[in-house]
Amino acid sequence: MAAGAPGPLWFQLYVWQNRDLTRSFVDRARAAGYRALLLTVDVQVVSRRERDLRNGFTIPPRVTLRNVVDTLRRVGWVRRVLMGQPRLTLANLVGAPGAPRTDIVTLAGVANRQVDASIAWADLAWFRSLWSGPLLLKGVMTVADARKALEHGVDGLVVSNHGGRQLDGTRATIEALPEIADAVGHRMEVLLDGGVRRGADVVRALALGAKAVMVGRPYLYGLASGGQGGVRRALEIFTREIDHVLALSGVPRVADLEPSLVRRADSP
């Protein structure tokens, strides 16, 4: 990834129970030239994902007439998988110390069992001892946690509810953002993740105090439909929409955005 990406790189780390393995991820990120370490703190346990249950998704996969027919229609893909090109696994585990073996059948189950439910604020000291660069937390949704992160010397945080996939009924990140940005945004970087689907969503988040936003599903949609060109097209759409919204709002630059430009449901 580092060899193919020209810009500044951040490494998002899921904290695993095997701390030697977790340490190896950090060491490899540093060696590859990554500049920031992003700790994921909202997946101590894996949620009950009801869409997967409705769709009959299981680990290991259950063979049904529907998925057999669907698979047989993709002759080229089946041929490449049977020939091991590529071998479907968690690539970051290959050759890592103490890493469990994974294949297409055990892939998700291994990852789900490895997440560390015991991670706590005290662990930040250990991660700071491993990493001298910027350290951020991803998955903060309250002012109290944002202030605690600041007290523990964290350089930034990402207001994120993990794409709405962890806790049913939790707040939208755009709702939690303004109070968190007001509380700590003057002393640390605050980013937003989740629900960003259009350029207008980017503009709203920046106006309400985010330094930047993270885009997940839209670029994956582009990748799935058009490969590298699809990702480029998705980003072009975002850029065009951002410029359009700024122009129609009478704001010449992103730096001129302010909260008053956004009408919130709780506004008088």
C-alpha atoms as a PDB file:
ATOM      1  CA  MET A   1       0.000   0.000   0.000  1.00  0.00           C
ATOM      2  CA  ALA A   2       2.757   2.437   0.953  1.00  0.00           C
ATOM      3  CA  ALA A   3       4.648   1.771  -2.277  1.00  0.00           C
ATOM      4  CA  GLY A   4       1.573   2.608  -4.365  1.00  0.00           C
ATOM      5  CA  ALA A   5       0.284   5.654  -2.473  1.00  0.00           C
ATOM      6  CA  PRO A   6       2.093   9.000  -2.953  1.00  0.00           C
ATOM      7  CA  GLY A   7       0.488  10.992  -0.110  1.00  0.00           C
ATOM      8  CA  PRO A   8       0.791  11.014   3.697  1.00  0.00           C
ATOM      9  CA  LEU A   9      -0.288   7.644   5.084  1.00  0.00           C
ATOM     10  CA  TRP A  10      -2.246   6.811   8.240  1.00  0.00           C
ATOM     11  CA  PHE A  11      -2.500   3.303   9.646  1.00  0.00           C
ATOM     12  CA  GLN A  12      -5.817   2.282  11.239  1.00  0.00           C
ATOM     13  CA  LEU A  13      -5.183  -0.371  13.872  1.00  0.00           C
ATOM     14  CA  TYR A  14      -7.667  -2.803  15.368  1.00  0.00           C
ATOM     15  CA  VAL A  15      -6.347  -3.816  18.786  1.00  0.00           C
ATOM     16  CA  TRP A  16      -6.037  -7.596  18.985  1.00  0.00           C
ATOM     17  CA  GLN A  17      -5.703  -9.827  22.025  1.00  0.00           C
ATOM     18  CA  ASN A  18      -2.289 -10.984  20.862  1.00  0.00           C
ATOM     19  CA  ARG A  19      -0.245  -7.938  21.798  1.00  0.00           C
ATOM     20  CA  ASP A  20       2.913  -9.228  20.082  1.00  0.00           C
ATOM     21  CA  LEU A  21       0.903  -9.349  16.877  1.00  0.00           C
ATOM     22  CA  THR A  22      -0.533  -5.889  17.557  1.00  0.00           C
ATOM     23  CA  ARG A  23       2.976  -4.543  18.166  1.00  0.00           C
ATOM     24  CA  SER A  24       4.173  -6.055  14.898  1.00  0.00           C
ATOM     25  CA  PHE A  25       1.475  -4.141  12.992  1.00  0.00           C
ATOM     26  CA  VAL A  26       2.686  -0.878  14.546  1.00  0.00           C
ATOM     27  CA  ASP A  27       6.338  -1.681  13.811  1.00  0.00           C
ATOM     28  CA  ARG A  28       5.557  -2.548  10.194  1.00  0.00           C
ATOM     29  CA  ALA A  29       3.533   0.636   9.727  1.00  0.00           C
ATOM     30  CA  ARG A  30       6.442   2.705  11.008  1.00  0.00           C
ATOM     31  CA  ALA A  31       8.918   0.865   8.768  1.00  0.00           C
ATOM     32  CA  ALA A  32       6.675   1.452   5.746  1.00  0.00           C
ATOM     33  CA  GLY A  33       6.654   5.214   6.351  1.00  0.00           C
ATOM     34  CA  TYR A  34       3.187   5.691   7.848  1.00  0.00           C
ATOM     35  CA  ARG A  35       2.947   9.027   9.664  1.00  0.00           C
ATOM     36  CA  ALA A  36      -0.079   8.631  11.951  1.00  0.00           C
ATOM     37  CA  LEU A  37      -1.516   5.759  13.984  1.00  0.00           C
ATOM     38  CA  LEU A  38      -5.292   5.522  14.282  1.00  0.00           C
ATOM     39  CA  LEU A  39      -6.567   3.276  17.092  1.00  0.00           C
ATOM     40  CA  THR A  40     -10.055   1.829  16.580  1.00  0.00           C
ATOM     41  CA  VAL A  41     -11.827   1.984  19.952  1.00  0.00           C
ATOM     42  CA  ASP A  42     -15.450   1.105  19.147  1.00  0.00           C
ATOM     43  CA  VAL A  43     -15.102  -2.590  18.265  1.00  0.00           C
ATOM     44  CA  GLN A  44     -14.285  -4.155  21.633  1.00  0.00           C
ATOM     45  CA  VAL A  45     -17.016  -6.634  20.738  1.00  0.00           C
ATOM     46  CA  VAL A  46     -18.503  -7.396  17.344  1.00  0.00           C
ATOM     47  CA  SER A  47     -22.125  -6.372  16.993  1.00  0.00           C
ATOM     48  CA  ARG A  48     -25.081  -8.541  16.071  1.00  0.00           C
ATOM     49  CA  ARG A  49     -25.413  -7.642  12.415  1.00  0.00           C
ATOM     50  CA  GLU A  50     -29.006  -8.362  11.594  1.00  0.00           C
ATOM     51  CA  ARG A  51     -28.690  -7.743   7.861  1.00  0.00           C
ATOM     52  CA  ASP A  52     -26.181 -10.598   7.700  1.00  0.00           C
ATOM     53  CA  LEU A  53     -28.586 -12.774   9.651  1.00  0.00           C
ATOM     54  CA  ARG A  54     -31.461 -11.934   7.301  1.00  0.00           C
ATOM     55  CA  ASN A  55     -29.298 -12.712   4.287  1.00  0.00           C
ATOM     56  CA  GLY A  56     -28.246 -16.055   5.750  1.00  0.00           C
ATOM     57  CA  PHE A  57     -24.572 -15.056   6.002  1.00  0.00           C
ATOM     58  CA  THR A  58     -22.689 -17.477   8.254  1.00  0.00           C
ATOM     59  CA  ILE A  59     -19.103 -18.417   9.142  1.00  0.00           C
ATOM     60  CA  PRO A  60     -18.276 -20.856   7.652  1.00  0.00           C
ATOM     61  CA  PRO A  61     -20.499 -20.116   4.637  1.00  0.00           C
ATOM     62  CA  ARG A  62     -23.589 -22.259   4.211  1.00  0.00           C
ATOM     63  CA  VAL A  63     -24.000 -23.775   0.758  1.00  0.00           C
ATOM     64  CA  THR A  64     -27.399 -23.006  -0.764  1.00  0.00           C
ATOM     65  CA  LEU A  65     -28.857 -23.373  -4.238  1.00  0.00           C
ATOM     66  CA  ARG A  66     -28.850 -19.599  -4.637  1.00  0.00           C
ATOM     67  CA  ASN A  67     -25.164 -19.061  -3.862  1.00  0.00           C
ATOM     68  CA  VAL A  68     -24.134 -22.159  -5.839  1.00  0.00           C
ATOM     69  CA  VAL A  69     -25.863 -20.788  -8.946  1.00  0.00           C
ATOM     70  CA  ASP A  70     -24.415 -17.322  -8.300  1.00  0.00           C
ATOM     71  CA  THR A  71     -20.906 -18.754  -7.971  1.00  0.00           C
ATOM     72  CA  LEU A  72     -21.113 -20.963 -11.055  1.00  0.00           C
ATOM     73  CA  ARG A  73     -21.980 -17.905 -13.152  1.00  0.00           C
ATOM     74  CA  ARG A  74     -18.532 -16.487 -12.369  1.00  0.00           C
ATOM     75  CA  VAL A  75     -16.313 -19.047 -14.031  1.00  0.00           C
ATOM     76  CA  GLY A  76     -13.230 -16.846 -14.201  1.00  0.00           C
ATOM     77  CA  TRP A  77     -13.370 -15.972 -10.508  1.00  0.00           C
ATOM     78  CA  VAL A  78     -13.831 -19.632  -9.517  1.00  0.00           C
ATOM     79  CA  ARG A  79     -10.833 -20.625 -11.642  1.00  0.00           C
ATOM     80  CA  ARG A  80      -8.591 -17.971 -10.040  1.00  0.00           C
ATOM     81  CA  VAL A  81      -9.666 -18.935  -6.514  1.00  0.00           C
ATOM     82  CA  LEU A  82      -9.078 -22.645  -7.122  1.00  0.00           C
ATOM     83  CA  MET A  83      -5.641 -21.844  -8.501  1.00  0.00           C
ATOM     84  CA  GLY A  84      -4.869 -19.623  -5.511  1.00  0.00           C
ATOM     85  CA  GLN A  85      -4.730 -16.372  -7.504  1.00  0.00           C
ATOM     86  CA  PRO A  86      -5.131 -14.615  -5.229  1.00  0.00           C
ATOM     87  CA  ARG A  87      -5.395 -16.614  -2.027  1.00  0.00           C
ATOM     88  CA  LEU A  88      -8.194 -15.007  -0.015  1.00  0.00           C
ATOM     89  CA  THR A  89      -6.909 -14.269   3.460  1.00  0.00           C
ATOM     90  CA  LEU A  90      -5.989 -11.404   5.776  1.00  0.00           C
ATOM     91  CA  ALA A  91      -2.800 -10.283   4.045  1.00  0.00           C
ATOM     92  CA  ASN A  92      -1.478  -8.445   7.108  1.00  0.00           C
ATOM     93  CA  LEU A  93      -1.313 -11.742   8.986  1.00  0.00           C
ATOM     94  CA  VAL A  94       0.926 -13.512   6.497  1.00  0.00           C
ATOM     95  CA  GLY A  95       4.289 -14.030   8.188  1.00  0.00           C
ATOM     96  CA  ALA A  96       3.307 -12.058  11.312  1.00  0.00           C
ATOM     97  CA  PRO A  97       4.430 -13.465  14.712  1.00  0.00           C
ATOM     98  CA  GLY A  98       1.829 -15.708  16.339  1.00  0.00           C
ATOM     99  CA  ALA A  99      -0.728 -14.974  13.619  1.00  0.00           C
ATOM    100  CA  PRO A 100      -3.554 -17.492  13.229  1.00  0.00           C
ATOM    101  CA  ARG A 101      -3.944 -19.124   9.839  1.00  0.00           C
ATOM    102  CA  THR A 102      -6.863 -17.861   7.794  1.00  0.00           C
ATOM    103  CA  ASP A 103      -8.562 -18.875   4.597  1.00  0.00           C
ATOM    104  CA  ILE A 104     -11.786 -17.992   2.813  1.00  0.00           C
ATOM    105  CA  VAL A 105     -13.796 -20.065   5.302  1.00  0.00           C
ATOM    106  CA  THR A 106     -12.268 -18.857   8.581  1.00  0.00           C
ATOM    107  CA  LEU A 107     -11.475 -15.264   7.563  1.00  0.00           C
ATOM    108  CA  ALA A 108     -14.176 -13.298   9.394  1.00  0.00           C
ATOM    109  CA  GLY A 109     -14.387 -15.682  12.337  1.00  0.00           C
ATOM    110  CA  VAL A 110     -10.684 -15.305  13.122  1.00  0.00           C
ATOM    111  CA  ALA A 111     -10.876 -11.513  13.035  1.00  0.00           C
ATOM    112  CA  ASN A 112     -13.978 -11.430  15.244  1.00  0.00           C
ATOM    113  CA  ARG A 113     -12.391 -13.671  17.881  1.00  0.00           C
ATOM    114  CA  GLN A 114      -9.166 -11.658  17.996  1.00  0.00           C
ATOM    115  CA  VAL A 115     -10.545  -8.214  18.917  1.00  0.00           C
ATOM    116  CA  ASP A 116      -9.512  -7.200  22.426  1.00  0.00           C
ATOM    117  CA  ALA A 117     -12.471  -6.415  24.694  1.00  0.00           C
ATOM    118  CA  SER A 118     -10.162  -5.377  27.546  1.00  0.00           C
ATOM    119  CA  ILE A 119      -8.669  -2.269  25.913  1.00  0.00           C
ATOM    120  CA  ALA A 120      -8.840   0.730  28.271  1.00  0.00           C
ATOM    121  CA  TRP A 121      -7.487   4.261  28.667  1.00  0.00           C
ATOM    122  CA  ALA A 122      -4.398   2.945  30.451  1.00  0.00           C
ATOM    123  CA  ASP A 123      -3.353   1.139  27.258  1.00  0.00           C
ATOM    124  CA  LEU A 124      -2.690   4.459  25.536  1.00  0.00           C
ATOM    125  CA  ALA A 125       0.617   4.739  27.408  1.00  0.00           C
ATOM    126  CA  TRP A 126       1.761   1.467  25.817  1.00  0.00           C
ATOM    127  CA  PHE A 127       0.791   2.601  22.336  1.00  0.00           C
ATOM    128  CA  ARG A 128       2.494   5.938  22.878  1.00  0.00           C
ATOM    129  CA  SER A 129       5.680   4.072  23.853  1.00  0.00           C
ATOM    130  CA  LEU A 130       5.521   2.256  20.514  1.00  0.00           C
ATOM    131  CA  TRP A 131       4.633   5.259  18.360  1.00  0.00           C
ATOM    132  CA  SER A 132       6.218   8.713  18.441  1.00  0.00           C
ATOM    133  CA  GLY A 133       4.132  10.215  15.636  1.00  0.00           C
ATOM    134  CA  PRO A 134       0.561  11.536  15.714  1.00  0.00           C
ATOM    135  CA  LEU A 135      -1.783   9.218  17.636  1.00  0.00           C
ATOM    136  CA  LEU A 136      -5.542   9.388  17.062  1.00  0.00           C
ATOM    137  CA  LEU A 137      -8.609   7.567  18.359  1.00  0.00           C
ATOM    138  CA  LYS A 138     -11.385   6.486  15.979  1.00  0.00           C
ATOM    139  CA  GLY A 139     -14.818   5.855  17.482  1.00  0.00           C
ATOM    140  CA  VAL A 140     -15.323   8.758  19.908  1.00  0.00           C
ATOM    141  CA  MET A 141     -18.943   9.907  20.271  1.00  0.00           C
ATOM    142  CA  THR A 142     -19.098  11.894  23.540  1.00  0.00           C
ATOM    143  CA  VAL A 143     -17.563  15.069  24.934  1.00  0.00           C
ATOM    144  CA  ALA A 144     -16.448  13.184  28.053  1.00  0.00           C
ATOM    145  CA  ASP A 145     -14.411  10.717  26.012  1.00  0.00           C
ATOM    146  CA  ALA A 146     -13.008  13.509  23.841  1.00  0.00           C
ATOM    147  CA  ARG A 147     -11.751  15.341  26.932  1.00  0.00           C
ATOM    148  CA  LYS A 148     -10.277  12.136  28.336  1.00  0.00           C
ATOM    149  CA  ALA A 149      -8.437  11.569  25.069  1.00  0.00           C
ATOM    150  CA  LEU A 150      -6.995  15.070  25.366  1.00  0.00           C
ATOM    151  CA  GLU A 151      -5.887  14.376  28.957  1.00  0.00           C
ATOM    152  CA  HIS A 152      -4.085  11.235  27.771  1.00  0.00           C
ATOM    153  CA  GLY A 153      -2.077  13.140  25.182  1.00  0.00           C
ATOM    154  CA  VAL A 154      -3.932  11.984  22.085  1.00  0.00           C
ATOM    155  CA  ASP A 155      -3.283  14.214  19.077  1.00  0.00           C
ATOM    156  CA  GLY A 156      -6.649  13.841  17.394  1.00  0.00           C
ATOM    157  CA  LEU A 157      -9.868  11.899  17.241  1.00  0.00           C
ATOM    158  CA  VAL A 158     -12.429  10.720  14.734  1.00  0.00           C
ATOM    159  CA  VAL A 159     -16.073  11.175  15.628  1.00  0.00           C
ATOM    160  CA  SER A 160     -17.355   7.838  14.366  1.00  0.00           C
ATOM    161  CA  ASN A 161     -20.084   5.272  15.106  1.00  0.00           C
ATOM    162  CA  HIS A 162     -18.393   2.659  12.895  1.00  0.00           C
ATOM    163  CA  GLY A 163     -20.719   3.302  10.000  1.00  0.00           C
ATOM    164  CA  GLY A 164     -23.765   2.735  12.200  1.00  0.00           C
ATOM    165  CA  ARG A 165     -22.963  -0.988  12.277  1.00  0.00           C
ATOM    166  CA  GLN A 166     -22.138  -1.464  15.952  1.00  0.00           C
ATOM    167  CA  LEU A 167     -24.880  -0.080  18.213  1.00  0.00           C
ATOM    168  CA  ASP A 168     -28.413   0.165  16.870  1.00  0.00           C
ATOM    169  CA  GLY A 169     -30.017   3.538  17.591  1.00  0.00           C
ATOM    170  CA  THR A 170     -26.802   5.394  18.405  1.00  0.00           C
ATOM    171  CA  ARG A 171     -26.485   9.069  17.456  1.00  0.00           C
ATOM    172  CA  ALA A 172     -25.460  10.102  13.995  1.00  0.00           C
ATOM    173  CA  THR A 173     -21.903  11.394  13.928  1.00  0.00           C
ATOM    174  CA  ILE A 174     -23.005  14.761  12.528  1.00  0.00           C
ATOM    175  CA  GLU A 175     -25.165  15.188  15.665  1.00  0.00           C
ATOM    176  CA  ALA A 176     -22.274  14.447  18.021  1.00  0.00           C
ATOM    177  CA  LEU A 177     -19.702  16.505  16.095  1.00  0.00           C
ATOM    178  CA  PRO A 178     -20.530  20.132  17.076  1.00  0.00           C
ATOM    179  CA  GLU A 179     -20.296  19.684  20.848  1.00  0.00           C
ATOM    180  CA  ILE A 180     -17.098  17.626  20.569  1.00  0.00           C
ATOM    181  CA  ALA A 181     -15.508  20.172  18.224  1.00  0.00           C
ATOM    182  CA  ASP A 182     -16.503  22.991  20.590  1.00  0.00           C
ATOM    183  CA  ALA A 183     -14.999  21.146  23.569  1.00  0.00           C
ATOM    184  CA  VAL A 184     -11.629  20.046  22.178  1.00  0.00           C
ATOM    185  CA  GLY A 185     -11.293  21.248  18.580  1.00  0.00           C
ATOM    186  CA  HIS A 186      -9.064  24.155  19.567  1.00  0.00           C
ATOM    187  CA  ARG A 187      -6.472  21.765  21.074  1.00  0.00           C
ATOM    188  CA  MET A 188      -6.575  18.664  18.861  1.00  0.00           C
ATOM    189  CA  GLU A 189      -7.595  17.584  15.393  1.00  0.00           C
ATOM    190  CA  VAL A 190     -11.250  16.487  15.092  1.00  0.00           C
ATOM    191  CA  LEU A 191     -12.380  14.493  12.065  1.00  0.00           C
ATOM    192  CA  LEU A 192     -15.760  13.032  11.152  1.00  0.00           C
ATOM    193  CA  ASP A 193     -16.550   9.574   9.816  1.00  0.00           C
ATOM    194  CA  GLY A 194     -19.898   8.058   8.913  1.00  0.00           C
ATOM    195  CA  GLY A 195     -22.834   9.066   6.732  1.00  0.00           C
ATOM    196  CA  VAL A 196     -20.744  11.013   4.219  1.00  0.00           C
ATOM    197  CA  ARG A 197     -22.372  10.310   0.869  1.00  0.00           C
ATOM    198  CA  ARG A 198     -22.278  13.637  -0.985  1.00  0.00           C
ATOM    199  CA  GLY A 199     -20.229  16.795  -1.201  1.00  0.00           C
ATOM    200  CA  ALA A 200     -22.888  18.603   0.845  1.00  0.00           C
ATOM    201  CA  ASP A 201     -22.207  16.197   3.719  1.00  0.00           C
ATOM    202  CA  VAL A 202     -18.543  17.191   3.623  1.00  0.00           C
ATOM    203  CA  VAL A 203     -19.413  20.894   3.698  1.00  0.00           C
ATOM    204  CA  ARG A 204     -21.801  20.443   6.645  1.00  0.00           C
ATOM    205  CA  ALA A 205     -19.188  18.572   8.670  1.00  0.00           C
ATOM    206  CA  LEU A 206     -16.485  21.170   7.989  1.00  0.00           C
ATOM    207  CA  ALA A 207     -18.880  23.979   8.916  1.00  0.00           C
ATOM    208  CA  LEU A 208     -19.717  22.254  12.216  1.00  0.00           C
ATOM    209  CA  GLY A 209     -16.105  21.941  13.283  1.00  0.00           C
ATOM    210  CA  ALA A 210     -14.508  18.946  11.564  1.00  0.00           C
ATOM    211  CA  LYS A 211     -10.987  19.437  10.250  1.00  0.00           C
ATOM    212  CA  ALA A 212     -11.651  16.790   7.581  1.00  0.00           C
ATOM    213  CA  VAL A 213     -13.972  13.887   6.849  1.00  0.00           C
ATOM    214  CA  MET A 214     -13.434  10.235   6.060  1.00  0.00           C
ATOM    215  CA  VAL A 215     -15.263   8.609   3.163  1.00  0.00           C
ATOM    216  CA  GLY A 216     -15.873   4.865   3.308  1.00  0.00           C
ATOM    217  CA  ARG A 217     -18.696   3.314   1.320  1.00  0.00           C
ATOM    218  CA  PRO A 218     -18.822   5.761  -1.637  1.00  0.00           C
ATOM    219  CA  TYR A 219     -15.291   5.018  -2.819  1.00  0.00           C
ATOM    220  CA  LEU A 220     -15.909   1.291  -2.308  1.00  0.00           C
ATOM    221  CA  TYR A 221     -18.973   1.570  -4.530  1.00  0.00           C
ATOM    222  CA  GLY A 222     -16.747   3.184  -7.152  1.00  0.00           C
ATOM    223  CA  LEU A 223     -14.108   0.481  -6.739  1.00  0.00           C
ATOM    224  CA  ALA A 224     -16.653  -2.325  -7.087  1.00  0.00           C
ATOM    225  CA  SER A 225     -18.228  -0.856 -10.205  1.00  0.00           C
ATOM    226  CA  GLY A 226     -15.212   0.536 -12.022  1.00  0.00           C
ATOM    227  CA  GLY A 227     -11.936  -0.346 -10.329  1.00  0.00           C
ATOM    228  CA  GLN A 228      -9.368   2.452 -10.014  1.00  0.00           C
ATOM    229  CA  GLY A 229     -11.282   4.573 -12.491  1.00  0.00           C
ATOM    230  CA  GLY A 230     -14.430   4.147 -10.408  1.00  0.00           C
ATOM    231  CA  VAL A 231     -12.665   5.436  -7.294  1.00  0.00           C
ATOM    232  CA  ARG A 232     -11.308   8.411  -9.216  1.00  0.00           C
ATOM    233  CA  ARG A 233     -14.784   9.154 -10.528  1.00  0.00           C
ATOM    234  CA  ALA A 234     -16.301   8.983  -7.031  1.00  0.00           C
ATOM    235  CA  LEU A 235     -13.748  11.493  -5.725  1.00  0.00           C
ATOM    236  CA  GLU A 236     -14.348  13.767  -8.721  1.00  0.00           C
ATOM    237  CA  ILE A 237     -18.077  13.759  -7.920  1.00  0.00           C
ATOM    238  CA  PHE A 238     -17.330  14.738  -4.320  1.00  0.00           C
ATOM    239  CA  THR A 239     -15.010  17.552  -5.412  1.00  0.00           C
ATOM    240  CA  ARG A 240     -17.525  18.952  -7.882  1.00  0.00           C
ATOM    241  CA  GLU A 241     -20.372  18.801  -5.351  1.00  0.00           C
ATOM    242  CA  ILE A 242     -18.275  20.521  -2.664  1.00  0.00           C
ATOM    243  CA  ASP A 243     -17.459  23.385  -5.038  1.00  0.00           C
ATOM    244  CA  HIS A 244     -21.119  23.604  -6.050  1.00  0.00           C
ATOM    245  CA  VAL A 245     -22.376  23.783  -2.447  1.00  0.00           C
ATOM    246  CA  LEU A 246     -19.753  26.386  -1.511  1.00  0.00           C
ATOM    247  CA  ALA A 247     -20.748  28.544  -4.474  1.00  0.00           C
ATOM    248  CA  LEU A 248     -24.485  28.327  -3.737  1.00  0.00           C
ATOM    249  CA  SER A 249     -23.807  29.116  -0.073  1.00  0.00           C
ATOM    250  CA  GLY A 250     -21.868  32.244  -0.984  1.00  0.00           C
ATOM    251  CA  VAL A 251     -18.704  30.906   0.635  1.00  0.00           C
ATOM    252  CA  PRO A 252     -15.563  31.305  -1.513  1.00  0.00           C
ATOM    253  CA  ARG A 253     -13.267  29.088   0.584  1.00  0.00           C
ATOM    254  CA  VAL A 254     -13.583  26.096   2.909  1.00  0.00           C
ATOM    255  CA  ALA A 255     -11.796  28.143   5.579  1.00  0.00           C
ATOM    256  CA  ASP A 256     -14.747  30.588   5.574  1.00  0.00           C
ATOM    257  CA  LEU A 257     -17.310  27.957   6.600  1.00  0.00           C
ATOM    258  CA  GLU A 258     -19.005  28.512   9.943  1.00  0.00           C
ATOM    259  CA  PRO A 259     -21.707  26.723  12.004  1.00  0.00           C
ATOM    260  CA  SER A 260     -24.366  29.342  11.289  1.00  0.00           C
ATOM    261  CA  LEU A 261     -24.524  28.118   7.685  1.00  0.00           C
ATOM    262  CA  VAL A 262     -26.026  24.808   8.816  1.00  0.00           C
ATOM    263  CA  ARG A 263     -29.646  24.568   9.920  1.00  0.00           C
ATOM    264  CA  ARG A 264     -29.857  21.926  12.664  1.00  0.00           C
ATOM    265  CA  ALA A 265     -33.009  20.172  13.873  1.00  0.00           C
ATOM    266  CA  ASP A 266     -32.436  21.476  17.398  1.00  0.00           C
ATOM    267  CA  SER A 267     -31.909  25.079  16.233  1.00  0.00           C
ATOM    268  CA  PRO A 268     -34.492  27.687  17.299  1.00  0.00           C
END
